[in-house]
Amino acid sequence: MKITVTVNGTDYARVVEPRLLLIHFLRDELRLTGSHWGCDTSNCGACVVWLDETPVKSCTVLAVMADGRRVTTVEGLPRGGVLDPVQDAFAACHGLQCGFCTPGMLMTARWLLDQNPDPSPEEIREAISGQVCRCTGYENIVKSVLWAAKHDGRAEGGGA
């Protein structure tokens, strides 16, 4: 099937198999390897991207479902060569260790801050509840999102 999709602001037209998952389209076809493929069952959340500014687990979305739509990956978070505040926060507050879950966490955190510029720790935990981190215990992830909220000029302007 022929699809046309806008990924991180760039239009792509490709012919894909109807069964191709969005995560494989992004990683294998477009070579955008920032989003991680972890489980194929939507359990881990390492593959979270935005489909029309809504977080989705790209291991459970077919590439053909993105036809005519906008996809934002972790590579699309920086603007003008400057890291997004959530990226700075994860580094500053040690919100990552092995880094495997980090792309999905970053995408979810950015989305949360675009919806709610001043979330509580409980709201952050709820937002990331569909994602698994085996290294951090989540405490520094929550601290990272709180730090980003305090240092974020982007949230007031909306998402990507």
N, C-alpha and C. Protein backbone atom coordinates (compact mmCIF):
# COMPACT_ATOMS: atom_id res chain seq x y z
N MET A 1 0.84 -1.18 0.00
CA MET A 1 0.00 0.00 0.00
C MET A 1 0.89 1.24 0.00
N LYS A 2 0.47 2.25 -0.74
CA LYS A 2 1.21 3.50 -0.74
C LYS A 2 0.69 4.39 0.39
N ILE A 3 1.63 4.91 1.17
CA ILE A 3 1.27 5.84 2.23
C ILE A 3 2.10 7.10 2.10
N THR A 4 1.52 8.19 2.59
CA THR A 4 2.23 9.45 2.71
C THR A 4 2.05 9.90 4.15
N VAL A 5 3.15 10.14 4.81
CA VAL A 5 3.11 10.50 6.22
C VAL A 5 4.12 11.62 6.47
N THR A 6 3.77 12.53 7.35
CA THR A 6 4.68 13.60 7.75
C THR A 6 5.31 13.20 9.07
N VAL A 7 6.63 13.05 9.06
CA VAL A 7 7.35 12.64 10.27
C VAL A 7 8.32 13.74 10.64
N ASN A 8 8.15 14.29 11.81
CA ASN A 8 9.00 15.38 12.31
C ASN A 8 9.07 16.53 11.31
N GLY A 9 7.94 16.80 10.65
CA GLY A 9 7.86 17.92 9.73
C GLY A 9 8.28 17.63 8.30
N THR A 10 8.73 16.42 8.01
CA THR A 10 9.15 16.04 6.66
C THR A 10 8.16 15.04 6.08
N ASP A 11 7.74 15.27 4.84
CA ASP A 11 6.81 14.37 4.17
C ASP A 11 7.55 13.19 3.55
N TYR A 12 6.99 12.00 3.74
CA TYR A 12 7.54 10.78 3.17
C TYR A 12 6.43 10.03 2.44
N ALA A 13 6.72 9.54 1.25
CA ALA A 13 5.81 8.67 0.52
C ALA A 13 6.53 7.34 0.34
N ARG A 14 5.87 6.26 0.72
CA ARG A 14 6.47 4.94 0.64
C ARG A 14 5.41 3.91 0.29
N VAL A 15 5.86 2.80 -0.24
CA VAL A 15 5.00 1.63 -0.42
C VAL A 15 5.37 0.66 0.68
N VAL A 16 4.37 0.25 1.46
CA VAL A 16 4.62 -0.63 2.61
C VAL A 16 3.64 -1.80 2.58
N GLU A 17 4.04 -2.86 3.26
CA GLU A 17 3.12 -3.98 3.46
C GLU A 17 2.03 -3.53 4.43
N PRO A 18 0.80 -3.96 4.23
CA PRO A 18 -0.29 -3.55 5.11
C PRO A 18 -0.07 -3.94 6.58
N ARG A 19 0.71 -4.97 6.83
CA ARG A 19 0.93 -5.46 8.20
C ARG A 19 2.13 -4.80 8.90
N LEU A 20 2.85 -3.90 8.21
CA LEU A 20 4.05 -3.27 8.80
C LEU A 20 3.67 -2.38 9.97
N LEU A 21 4.32 -2.60 11.10
CA LEU A 21 4.07 -1.77 12.28
C LEU A 21 4.75 -0.42 12.11
N LEU A 22 4.15 0.60 12.72
CA LEU A 22 4.70 1.95 12.64
C LEU A 22 6.12 2.01 13.18
N ILE A 23 6.41 1.31 14.26
CA ILE A 23 7.76 1.33 14.83
C ILE A 23 8.78 0.82 13.81
N HIS A 24 8.43 -0.20 13.06
CA HIS A 24 9.35 -0.75 12.06
C HIS A 24 9.47 0.20 10.86
N PHE A 25 8.39 0.85 10.50
CA PHE A 25 8.45 1.85 9.43
C PHE A 25 9.42 2.97 9.82
N LEU A 26 9.29 3.46 11.04
CA LEU A 26 10.15 4.56 11.51
C LEU A 26 11.61 4.13 11.58
N ARG A 27 11.86 2.98 12.18
CA ARG A 27 13.24 2.53 12.40
C ARG A 27 13.88 1.98 11.13
N ASP A 28 13.17 1.11 10.43
CA ASP A 28 13.78 0.40 9.30
C ASP A 28 13.68 1.16 7.98
N GLU A 29 12.56 1.78 7.74
CA GLU A 29 12.35 2.48 6.47
C GLU A 29 12.92 3.89 6.50
N LEU A 30 12.66 4.62 7.60
CA LEU A 30 13.11 6.02 7.67
C LEU A 30 14.42 6.18 8.44
N ARG A 31 14.90 5.11 9.07
CA ARG A 31 16.15 5.12 9.84
C ARG A 31 16.11 6.10 11.02
N LEU A 32 14.93 6.29 11.57
CA LEU A 32 14.76 7.08 12.79
C LEU A 32 14.75 6.10 13.95
N THR A 33 15.92 5.88 14.52
CA THR A 33 16.10 4.81 15.50
C THR A 33 16.01 5.29 16.95
N GLY A 34 15.57 6.53 17.16
CA GLY A 34 15.44 7.03 18.53
C GLY A 34 14.36 6.31 19.31
N SER A 35 13.26 6.00 18.66
CA SER A 35 12.19 5.25 19.32
C SER A 35 12.62 3.79 19.39
N HIS A 36 12.47 3.21 20.56
CA HIS A 36 12.95 1.85 20.75
C HIS A 36 11.82 0.83 20.62
N TRP A 37 12.16 -0.31 20.08
CA TRP A 37 11.23 -1.43 19.94
C TRP A 37 11.55 -2.40 21.05
N GLY A 38 10.60 -2.57 21.97
CA GLY A 38 10.90 -3.38 23.13
C GLY A 38 10.08 -4.64 23.29
N CYS A 39 8.78 -4.61 22.91
CA CYS A 39 7.97 -5.75 23.31
C CYS A 39 6.96 -6.23 22.27
N ASP A 40 6.52 -5.40 21.38
CA ASP A 40 5.47 -5.75 20.40
C ASP A 40 4.11 -6.01 21.04
N THR A 41 3.95 -5.77 22.30
CA THR A 41 2.69 -6.08 22.99
C THR A 41 2.09 -4.87 23.69
N SER A 42 2.68 -3.72 23.53
CA SER A 42 2.27 -2.46 24.15
C SER A 42 2.47 -2.43 25.66
N ASN A 43 3.31 -3.30 26.17
CA ASN A 43 3.56 -3.33 27.61
C ASN A 43 4.62 -2.33 28.07
N CYS A 44 5.69 -2.13 27.28
CA CYS A 44 6.83 -1.39 27.81
C CYS A 44 6.78 0.11 27.54
N GLY A 45 6.22 0.55 26.43
CA GLY A 45 6.12 1.98 26.14
C GLY A 45 7.38 2.64 25.61
N ALA A 46 8.42 1.87 25.33
CA ALA A 46 9.66 2.45 24.80
C ALA A 46 9.46 3.02 23.40
N CYS A 47 8.38 2.62 22.74
CA CYS A 47 8.14 3.01 21.35
C CYS A 47 7.16 4.18 21.21
N VAL A 48 6.83 4.86 22.29
CA VAL A 48 5.83 5.93 22.21
C VAL A 48 6.28 7.03 21.27
N VAL A 49 5.39 7.37 20.34
CA VAL A 49 5.53 8.51 19.44
C VAL A 49 4.20 9.24 19.46
N TRP A 50 4.14 10.39 18.81
CA TRP A 50 2.86 11.09 18.70
C TRP A 50 2.28 10.85 17.32
N LEU A 51 1.02 10.53 17.27
CA LEU A 51 0.27 10.45 16.03
C LEU A 51 -0.73 11.60 16.11
N ASP A 52 -0.49 12.62 15.28
CA ASP A 52 -1.29 13.85 15.35
C ASP A 52 -1.34 14.40 16.77
N GLU A 53 -0.19 14.47 17.42
CA GLU A 53 0.00 15.05 18.75
C GLU A 53 -0.63 14.26 19.88
N THR A 54 -0.96 13.00 19.63
CA THR A 54 -1.47 12.12 20.67
C THR A 54 -0.48 10.97 20.84
N PRO A 55 -0.04 10.72 22.07
CA PRO A 55 0.90 9.62 22.28
C PRO A 55 0.28 8.27 21.93
N VAL A 56 1.03 7.47 21.18
CA VAL A 56 0.62 6.11 20.84
C VAL A 56 1.83 5.20 20.98
N LYS A 57 1.57 3.96 21.26
CA LYS A 57 2.62 2.95 21.27
C LYS A 57 2.74 2.44 19.85
N SER A 58 3.84 2.80 19.20
CA SER A 58 3.98 2.54 17.77
C SER A 58 4.16 1.06 17.43
N CYS A 59 4.30 0.20 18.43
CA CYS A 59 4.36 -1.23 18.17
C CYS A 59 2.98 -1.83 18.00
N THR A 60 1.94 -1.03 18.23
CA THR A 60 0.58 -1.53 18.08
C THR A 60 -0.21 -0.72 17.05
N VAL A 61 0.49 0.11 16.29
CA VAL A 61 -0.13 0.92 15.24
C VAL A 61 0.48 0.48 13.91
N LEU A 62 -0.36 0.23 12.94
CA LEU A 62 0.15 -0.11 11.62
C LEU A 62 0.60 1.15 10.90
N ALA A 63 1.64 1.03 10.10
CA ALA A 63 2.13 2.19 9.34
C ALA A 63 1.03 2.77 8.45
N VAL A 64 0.17 1.91 7.88
CA VAL A 64 -0.90 2.41 7.01
C VAL A 64 -1.90 3.26 7.77
N MET A 65 -1.97 3.10 9.09
CA MET A 65 -2.87 3.91 9.91
C MET A 65 -2.34 5.34 10.05
N ALA A 66 -1.07 5.55 9.73
CA ALA A 66 -0.47 6.88 9.79
C ALA A 66 -0.58 7.61 8.45
N ASP A 67 -1.15 6.98 7.45
CA ASP A 67 -1.29 7.60 6.14
C ASP A 67 -2.05 8.92 6.24
N GLY A 68 -1.43 9.98 5.71
CA GLY A 68 -2.04 11.30 5.73
C GLY A 68 -1.99 12.00 7.08
N ARG A 69 -1.23 11.47 8.00
CA ARG A 69 -1.18 12.02 9.36
C ARG A 69 0.22 12.50 9.70
N ARG A 70 0.33 13.12 10.89
CA ARG A 70 1.61 13.63 11.39
C ARG A 70 2.12 12.73 12.50
N VAL A 71 3.38 12.35 12.39
CA VAL A 71 4.04 11.56 13.42
C VAL A 71 5.20 12.38 13.95
N THR A 72 5.34 12.41 15.26
CA THR A 72 6.50 13.05 15.89
C THR A 72 7.21 12.00 16.71
N THR A 73 8.51 11.89 16.48
CA THR A 73 9.35 10.96 17.23
C THR A 73 10.25 11.76 18.16
N VAL A 74 11.01 11.06 18.97
CA VAL A 74 11.92 11.72 19.89
C VAL A 74 12.92 12.61 19.14
N GLU A 75 13.25 12.24 17.89
CA GLU A 75 14.15 13.07 17.10
C GLU A 75 13.53 14.43 16.78
N GLY A 76 12.21 14.53 16.88
CA GLY A 76 11.51 15.77 16.59
C GLY A 76 11.34 16.69 17.79
N LEU A 77 11.79 16.28 18.97
CA LEU A 77 11.65 17.13 20.15
C LEU A 77 12.53 18.38 20.13
N PRO A 78 13.81 18.27 19.78
CA PRO A 78 14.63 19.49 19.77
C PRO A 78 14.11 20.50 18.74
N ARG A 79 14.32 21.76 19.03
CA ARG A 79 13.92 22.82 18.09
C ARG A 79 15.11 23.72 17.84
N GLY A 80 15.40 23.91 16.56
CA GLY A 80 16.52 24.78 16.21
C GLY A 80 17.84 24.31 16.79
N GLY A 81 18.02 23.01 16.92
CA GLY A 81 19.26 22.48 17.46
C GLY A 81 19.37 22.55 18.97
N VAL A 82 18.29 22.97 19.64
CA VAL A 82 18.28 23.10 21.10
C VAL A 82 17.41 22.00 21.68
N LEU A 83 17.95 21.30 22.66
CA LEU A 83 17.19 20.24 23.29
C LEU A 83 15.92 20.77 23.93
N ASP A 84 14.90 19.95 23.91
CA ASP A 84 13.66 20.27 24.62
C ASP A 84 13.95 20.27 26.12
N PRO A 85 13.24 21.09 26.89
CA PRO A 85 13.45 21.09 28.34
C PRO A 85 13.30 19.71 28.99
N VAL A 86 12.45 18.84 28.47
CA VAL A 86 12.35 17.51 29.07
C VAL A 86 13.62 16.71 28.83
N GLN A 87 14.27 16.92 27.70
CA GLN A 87 15.54 16.25 27.45
C GLN A 87 16.61 16.77 28.40
N ASP A 88 16.67 18.08 28.57
CA ASP A 88 17.61 18.65 29.54
C ASP A 88 17.32 18.13 30.95
N ALA A 89 16.05 18.02 31.30
CA ALA A 89 15.66 17.60 32.64
C ALA A 89 16.08 16.17 32.93
N PHE A 90 15.90 15.28 31.96
CA PHE A 90 16.28 13.88 32.19
C PHE A 90 17.78 13.77 32.42
N ALA A 91 18.57 14.62 31.77
CA ALA A 91 20.01 14.63 32.00
C ALA A 91 20.34 15.25 33.35
N ALA A 92 19.71 16.39 33.65
CA ALA A 92 20.02 17.12 34.88
C ALA A 92 19.59 16.37 36.13
N CYS A 93 18.49 15.65 36.06
CA CYS A 93 17.93 14.99 37.24
C CYS A 93 18.12 13.48 37.24
N HIS A 94 18.95 12.98 36.36
CA HIS A 94 19.26 11.55 36.29
C HIS A 94 18.01 10.71 36.08
N GLY A 95 17.13 11.17 35.17
CA GLY A 95 15.90 10.46 34.87
C GLY A 95 16.10 9.30 33.93
N LEU A 96 17.35 9.03 33.58
CA LEU A 96 17.62 7.89 32.71
C LEU A 96 18.83 7.16 33.25
N GLN A 97 18.83 5.88 33.02
CA GLN A 97 20.01 5.09 33.36
C GLN A 97 20.46 4.34 32.12
N CYS A 98 19.81 3.24 31.79
CA CYS A 98 20.23 2.52 30.59
C CYS A 98 19.77 3.26 29.34
N GLY A 99 18.69 4.04 29.43
CA GLY A 99 18.21 4.84 28.32
C GLY A 99 17.20 4.14 27.43
N PHE A 100 16.89 2.88 27.68
CA PHE A 100 16.00 2.16 26.77
C PHE A 100 14.58 2.73 26.79
N CYS A 101 14.04 3.01 27.95
CA CYS A 101 12.68 3.54 28.05
C CYS A 101 12.63 5.04 27.79
N THR A 102 13.77 5.70 27.78
CA THR A 102 13.83 7.16 27.75
C THR A 102 13.09 7.80 26.58
N PRO A 103 13.21 7.33 25.34
CA PRO A 103 12.48 7.99 24.25
C PRO A 103 10.97 8.05 24.50
N GLY A 104 10.40 6.94 24.94
CA GLY A 104 8.96 6.92 25.23
C GLY A 104 8.62 7.81 26.41
N MET A 105 9.46 7.80 27.43
CA MET A 105 9.22 8.67 28.60
C MET A 105 9.29 10.14 28.19
N LEU A 106 10.26 10.49 27.36
CA LEU A 106 10.40 11.88 26.91
C LEU A 106 9.16 12.32 26.13
N MET A 107 8.68 11.47 25.24
CA MET A 107 7.51 11.82 24.43
C MET A 107 6.27 11.99 25.30
N THR A 108 6.12 11.11 26.28
CA THR A 108 4.98 11.20 27.19
C THR A 108 5.10 12.43 28.08
N ALA A 109 6.30 12.71 28.58
CA ALA A 109 6.50 13.88 29.44
C ALA A 109 6.23 15.17 28.68
N ARG A 110 6.71 15.27 27.45
CA ARG A 110 6.48 16.47 26.64
C ARG A 110 4.99 16.67 26.40
N TRP A 111 4.30 15.57 26.06
CA TRP A 111 2.85 15.63 25.85
C TRP A 111 2.14 16.08 27.12
N LEU A 112 2.52 15.51 28.26
CA LEU A 112 1.90 15.89 29.53
C LEU A 112 2.07 17.38 29.79
N LEU A 113 3.29 17.88 29.62
CA LEU A 113 3.53 19.30 29.89
C LEU A 113 2.80 20.21 28.90
N ASP A 114 2.58 19.74 27.70
CA ASP A 114 1.79 20.51 26.73
C ASP A 114 0.33 20.58 27.16
N GLN A 115 -0.15 19.55 27.84
CA GLN A 115 -1.53 19.51 28.32
C GLN A 115 -1.68 20.17 29.69
N ASN A 116 -0.67 20.00 30.51
CA ASN A 116 -0.71 20.47 31.90
C ASN A 116 0.67 20.98 32.28
N PRO A 117 0.90 22.29 32.15
CA PRO A 117 2.25 22.84 32.40
C PRO A 117 2.74 22.72 33.85
N ASP A 118 1.85 22.38 34.79
CA ASP A 118 2.26 22.29 36.19
C ASP A 118 1.68 21.02 36.83
N PRO A 119 2.12 19.85 36.36
CA PRO A 119 1.54 18.61 36.90
C PRO A 119 2.07 18.28 38.29
N SER A 120 1.25 17.59 39.03
CA SER A 120 1.67 17.08 40.35
C SER A 120 2.44 15.78 40.13
N PRO A 121 3.19 15.36 41.14
CA PRO A 121 3.87 14.06 41.01
C PRO A 121 2.88 12.91 40.70
N GLU A 122 1.70 12.97 41.28
CA GLU A 122 0.70 11.93 41.02
C GLU A 122 0.25 11.96 39.56
N GLU A 123 0.06 13.15 39.00
CA GLU A 123 -0.34 13.27 37.60
C GLU A 123 0.77 12.78 36.66
N ILE A 124 2.01 13.02 37.04
CA ILE A 124 3.13 12.52 36.24
C ILE A 124 3.15 11.01 36.28
N ARG A 125 3.01 10.43 37.47
CA ARG A 125 3.01 8.98 37.60
C ARG A 125 1.86 8.35 36.80
N GLU A 126 0.71 9.00 36.79
CA GLU A 126 -0.41 8.48 36.01
C GLU A 126 -0.09 8.54 34.51
N ALA A 127 0.50 9.65 34.07
CA ALA A 127 0.82 9.81 32.65
C ALA A 127 1.81 8.75 32.17
N ILE A 128 2.77 8.39 32.99
CA ILE A 128 3.79 7.42 32.59
C ILE A 128 3.45 5.99 33.01
N SER A 129 2.25 5.80 33.52
CA SER A 129 1.88 4.48 34.06
C SER A 129 1.85 3.37 33.01
N GLY A 130 1.78 3.72 31.75
CA GLY A 130 1.79 2.72 30.69
C GLY A 130 3.17 2.40 30.17
N GLN A 131 4.19 2.85 30.89
CA GLN A 131 5.56 2.64 30.45
C GLN A 131 6.37 1.96 31.55
N VAL A 132 7.31 1.13 31.12
CA VAL A 132 8.11 0.36 32.06
C VAL A 132 9.54 0.86 32.04
N CYS A 133 10.07 1.13 33.24
CA CYS A 133 11.49 1.43 33.41
C CYS A 133 12.02 0.42 34.42
N ARG A 134 13.02 -0.32 34.02
CA ARG A 134 13.56 -1.35 34.91
C ARG A 134 14.75 -0.86 35.72
N CYS A 135 15.19 0.38 35.47
CA CYS A 135 16.42 0.85 36.11
C CYS A 135 16.21 1.89 37.21
N THR A 136 15.32 2.84 36.98
CA THR A 136 15.31 4.04 37.84
C THR A 136 14.41 3.98 39.04
N GLY A 137 13.39 3.15 39.04
CA GLY A 137 12.42 3.18 40.12
C GLY A 137 11.46 4.35 39.97
N TYR A 138 11.53 5.08 38.88
CA TYR A 138 10.63 6.16 38.49
C TYR A 138 10.81 7.46 39.27
N GLU A 139 11.45 7.43 40.42
CA GLU A 139 11.56 8.63 41.24
C GLU A 139 12.26 9.76 40.48
N ASN A 140 13.39 9.46 39.84
CA ASN A 140 14.11 10.50 39.11
C ASN A 140 13.41 10.89 37.81
N ILE A 141 12.58 10.01 37.27
CA ILE A 141 11.78 10.39 36.11
C ILE A 141 10.76 11.44 36.52
N VAL A 142 10.09 11.20 37.63
CA VAL A 142 9.12 12.18 38.15
C VAL A 142 9.83 13.51 38.46
N LYS A 143 10.98 13.44 39.10
CA LYS A 143 11.75 14.66 39.39
C LYS A 143 12.13 15.38 38.10
N SER A 144 12.46 14.63 37.08
CA SER A 144 12.83 15.22 35.79
C SER A 144 11.67 15.99 35.18
N VAL A 145 10.49 15.42 35.22
CA VAL A 145 9.32 16.10 34.64
C VAL A 145 8.98 17.34 35.46
N LEU A 146 9.10 17.26 36.77
CA LEU A 146 8.87 18.44 37.62
C LEU A 146 9.88 19.54 37.30
N TRP A 147 11.15 19.16 37.11
CA TRP A 147 12.20 20.12 36.74
C TRP A 147 11.88 20.76 35.40
N ALA A 148 11.47 19.94 34.44
CA ALA A 148 11.14 20.45 33.11
C ALA A 148 9.98 21.44 33.19
N ALA A 149 9.00 21.16 34.03
CA ALA A 149 7.86 22.06 34.17
C ALA A 149 8.30 23.43 34.66
N LYS A 150 9.29 23.45 35.54
CA LYS A 150 9.79 24.73 36.09
C LYS A 150 10.65 25.49 35.09
N HIS A 151 11.25 24.79 34.14
CA HIS A 151 12.19 25.40 33.20
C HIS A 151 11.66 25.40 31.76
N ASP A 152 10.35 25.29 31.62
CA ASP A 152 9.75 25.07 30.31
C ASP A 152 9.03 26.31 29.79
N GLY A 153 9.55 26.88 28.74
CA GLY A 153 8.85 27.96 28.06
C GLY A 153 8.01 27.42 26.92
N ARG A 154 8.20 26.16 26.59
CA ARG A 154 7.51 25.55 25.44
C ARG A 154 6.07 25.17 25.74
N ALA A 155 5.76 24.75 26.96
CA ALA A 155 4.44 24.22 27.28
C ALA A 155 3.34 25.24 27.01
N GLU A 156 3.61 26.49 27.28
CA GLU A 156 2.58 27.51 27.06
C GLU A 156 2.22 27.66 25.60
N GLY A 157 3.15 27.29 24.71
CA GLY A 157 2.91 27.46 23.28
C GLY A 157 2.32 26.23 22.62
N GLY A 158 2.11 25.15 23.36
CA GLY A 158 1.54 23.95 22.78
C GLY A 158 2.60 23.01 22.25
N GLY A 159 2.15 21.90 21.71
CA GLY A 159 3.03 20.85 21.25
C GLY A 159 3.67 21.12 19.91
N ALA A 160 4.35 20.10 19.41
CA ALA A 160 5.09 20.20 18.15
C ALA A 160 4.16 20.31 16.97
